[in-house]
Amino acid sequence: MDEAGNTGRKLDESIERMARSRGCRVLLVADEAKEVEDTALRDLANYQELGTSWGWNPEQVDNIVDTIHFVPSHSNGAIQLTDSATYIASRLRKIRSGVVPSGRSAVAIERLWESRIEPFVRTNEVWYPSY
């Protein structure tokens, strides 16, 4: 399995575990990514039918409903909001690690994160493949 497929599997497993723990079902909506869409759709269909038997922590995928709905971000406010929150989370990591210097913009990013984004975040992780 290539890096993109492995990343997608890990993401699908994480979403499945979150949905199961909250007793809910999930509909996946993602930004268009023409180069990976076919593979992502095929892989999710396989996981829904067979589970992720080759993962480090295999999951039966029952709580992700339907398929992945790829949409253009320019016409979808939820995707634009997610892109913005992801950018701010990434920028905050760089500020806190010293890659980006402190200053007025760093303070603004911190305030925006703490007041508008962090209260709604369910998971905030960066996964670094080990291969």
Protein backbone atom coordinates (compact mmCIF):
# COMPACT_ATOMS: atom_id res chain seq x y z
CA MET A 1 0.00 0.00 0.00
CA ASP A 2 1.39 3.44 -0.90
CA GLU A 3 1.67 6.39 1.48
CA ALA A 4 -1.63 7.99 0.37
CA GLY A 5 -3.50 4.70 0.77
CA ASN A 6 -1.96 4.08 4.17
CA THR A 7 -2.87 7.61 5.27
CA GLY A 8 -6.45 7.15 4.03
CA ARG A 9 -6.77 3.84 5.87
CA LYS A 10 -5.51 5.36 9.11
CA LEU A 11 -7.91 8.29 8.69
CA ASP A 12 -10.86 5.99 7.97
CA GLU A 13 -9.99 3.85 11.02
CA SER A 14 -9.74 6.94 13.24
CA ILE A 15 -13.07 8.30 12.01
CA GLU A 16 -14.70 4.89 12.50
CA ARG A 17 -13.42 4.66 16.11
CA MET A 18 -14.61 8.21 16.86
CA ALA A 19 -18.07 7.52 15.42
CA ARG A 20 -18.36 4.23 17.30
CA SER A 21 -17.31 5.82 20.60
CA ARG A 22 -19.93 8.57 20.17
CA GLY A 23 -22.63 6.22 18.93
CA CYS A 24 -23.11 8.14 15.69
CA ARG A 25 -22.84 7.65 11.95
CA VAL A 26 -20.60 9.79 9.77
CA LEU A 27 -20.91 11.14 6.24
CA LEU A 28 -17.53 12.04 4.75
CA VAL A 29 -17.23 15.23 2.72
CA ALA A 30 -13.79 16.16 1.38
CA ASP A 31 -12.12 18.73 -0.79
CA GLU A 32 -11.69 17.64 -4.40
CA ALA A 33 -8.44 15.79 -4.99
CA LYS A 34 -8.68 14.28 -8.46
CA GLU A 35 -5.40 12.38 -8.14
CA VAL A 36 -6.61 10.29 -5.17
CA GLU A 37 -10.40 10.24 -5.39
CA ASP A 38 -10.81 6.93 -7.24
CA THR A 39 -8.41 5.14 -4.88
CA ALA A 40 -10.03 6.66 -1.78
CA LEU A 41 -13.52 5.65 -2.94
CA ARG A 42 -12.40 2.11 -3.78
CA ASP A 43 -10.52 1.70 -0.49
CA LEU A 44 -13.45 2.94 1.62
CA ALA A 45 -15.83 0.55 -0.18
CA ASN A 46 -13.42 -2.31 0.60
CA TYR A 47 -13.17 -1.27 4.26
CA GLN A 48 -16.95 -1.11 4.54
CA GLU A 49 -17.25 -4.61 3.09
CA LEU A 50 -14.18 -6.35 4.56
CA GLY A 51 -12.82 -4.09 7.31
CA THR A 52 -9.23 -2.88 7.46
CA SER A 53 -7.76 -6.32 8.11
CA TRP A 54 -4.22 -5.27 7.15
CA GLY A 55 -4.02 -2.22 9.45
CA TRP A 56 -2.02 -2.06 12.65
CA ASN A 57 -5.33 -1.98 14.53
CA PRO A 58 -7.95 -3.53 12.19
CA GLU A 59 -11.40 -1.97 12.20
CA GLN A 60 -14.73 -3.04 10.83
CA VAL A 61 -16.07 0.10 9.14
CA ASP A 62 -19.80 0.26 9.90
CA ASN A 63 -20.35 3.87 11.00
CA ILE A 64 -19.10 5.67 7.90
CA VAL A 65 -22.20 5.82 5.73
CA ASP A 66 -22.40 6.01 1.97
CA THR A 67 -19.16 6.98 0.25
CA ILE A 68 -16.82 9.96 0.31
CA HIS A 69 -18.41 13.04 -1.23
CA PHE A 70 -15.71 15.10 -2.95
CA VAL A 71 -16.71 18.73 -3.47
CA PRO A 72 -14.94 21.82 -4.81
CA SER A 73 -13.82 23.90 -1.83
CA HIS A 74 -14.67 27.20 -3.54
CA SER A 75 -18.37 26.31 -3.42
CA ASN A 76 -18.56 24.65 0.01
CA GLY A 77 -18.41 26.75 3.17
CA ALA A 78 -17.76 23.76 5.43
CA ILE A 79 -14.69 22.76 3.42
CA GLN A 80 -13.44 26.38 3.42
CA LEU A 81 -13.90 26.53 7.20
CA THR A 82 -12.04 23.25 7.64
CA ASP A 83 -9.20 24.47 5.41
CA SER A 84 -8.95 27.66 7.49
CA ALA A 85 -8.98 25.79 10.82
CA THR A 86 -6.32 23.40 9.52
CA TYR A 87 -4.14 26.31 8.44
CA ILE A 88 -4.47 27.96 11.86
CA ALA A 89 -3.70 24.67 13.67
CA SER A 90 -0.59 24.24 11.51
CA ARG A 91 0.51 27.83 12.05
CA LEU A 92 0.01 27.47 15.81
CA ARG A 93 2.25 24.36 15.86
CA LYS A 94 4.95 26.35 14.08
CA ILE A 95 4.60 29.26 16.53
CA ARG A 96 4.75 26.99 19.57
CA SER A 97 7.79 25.11 18.21
CA GLY A 98 9.65 28.35 17.44
CA VAL A 99 9.64 27.93 13.66
CA VAL A 100 7.50 31.07 13.36
CA PRO A 101 8.55 33.96 15.60
CA SER A 102 6.33 35.44 18.27
CA GLY A 103 4.70 38.75 17.51
CA ARG A 104 1.33 40.35 16.92
CA SER A 105 0.27 37.85 14.27
CA ALA A 106 1.26 34.95 16.56
CA VAL A 107 -0.86 36.44 19.34
CA ALA A 108 -3.79 36.81 16.92
CA ILE A 109 -3.42 33.18 15.79
CA GLU A 110 -3.34 32.02 19.46
CA ARG A 111 -6.49 34.02 20.29
CA LEU A 112 -8.34 32.82 17.20
CA TRP A 113 -7.41 29.20 17.95
CA GLU A 114 -8.38 29.36 21.64
CA SER A 115 -11.63 31.30 21.23
CA ARG A 116 -13.06 30.13 17.91
CA ILE A 117 -11.55 26.79 16.90
CA GLU A 118 -10.22 24.73 19.81
CA PRO A 119 -13.61 24.49 21.62
CA PHE A 120 -14.97 22.57 18.61
CA VAL A 121 -11.99 20.34 17.83
CA ARG A 122 -12.43 16.62 18.54
CA THR A 123 -8.94 15.55 17.54
CA ASN A 124 -5.84 17.51 16.62
CA GLU A 125 -3.00 15.25 15.60
CA VAL A 126 -0.28 15.11 13.00
CA TRP A 127 0.56 11.65 11.76
CA TYR A 128 4.06 11.03 10.49
CA PRO A 129 4.38 7.80 8.48
CA SER A 130 7.18 5.61 9.75
CA TYR A 131 8.31 4.29 6.36
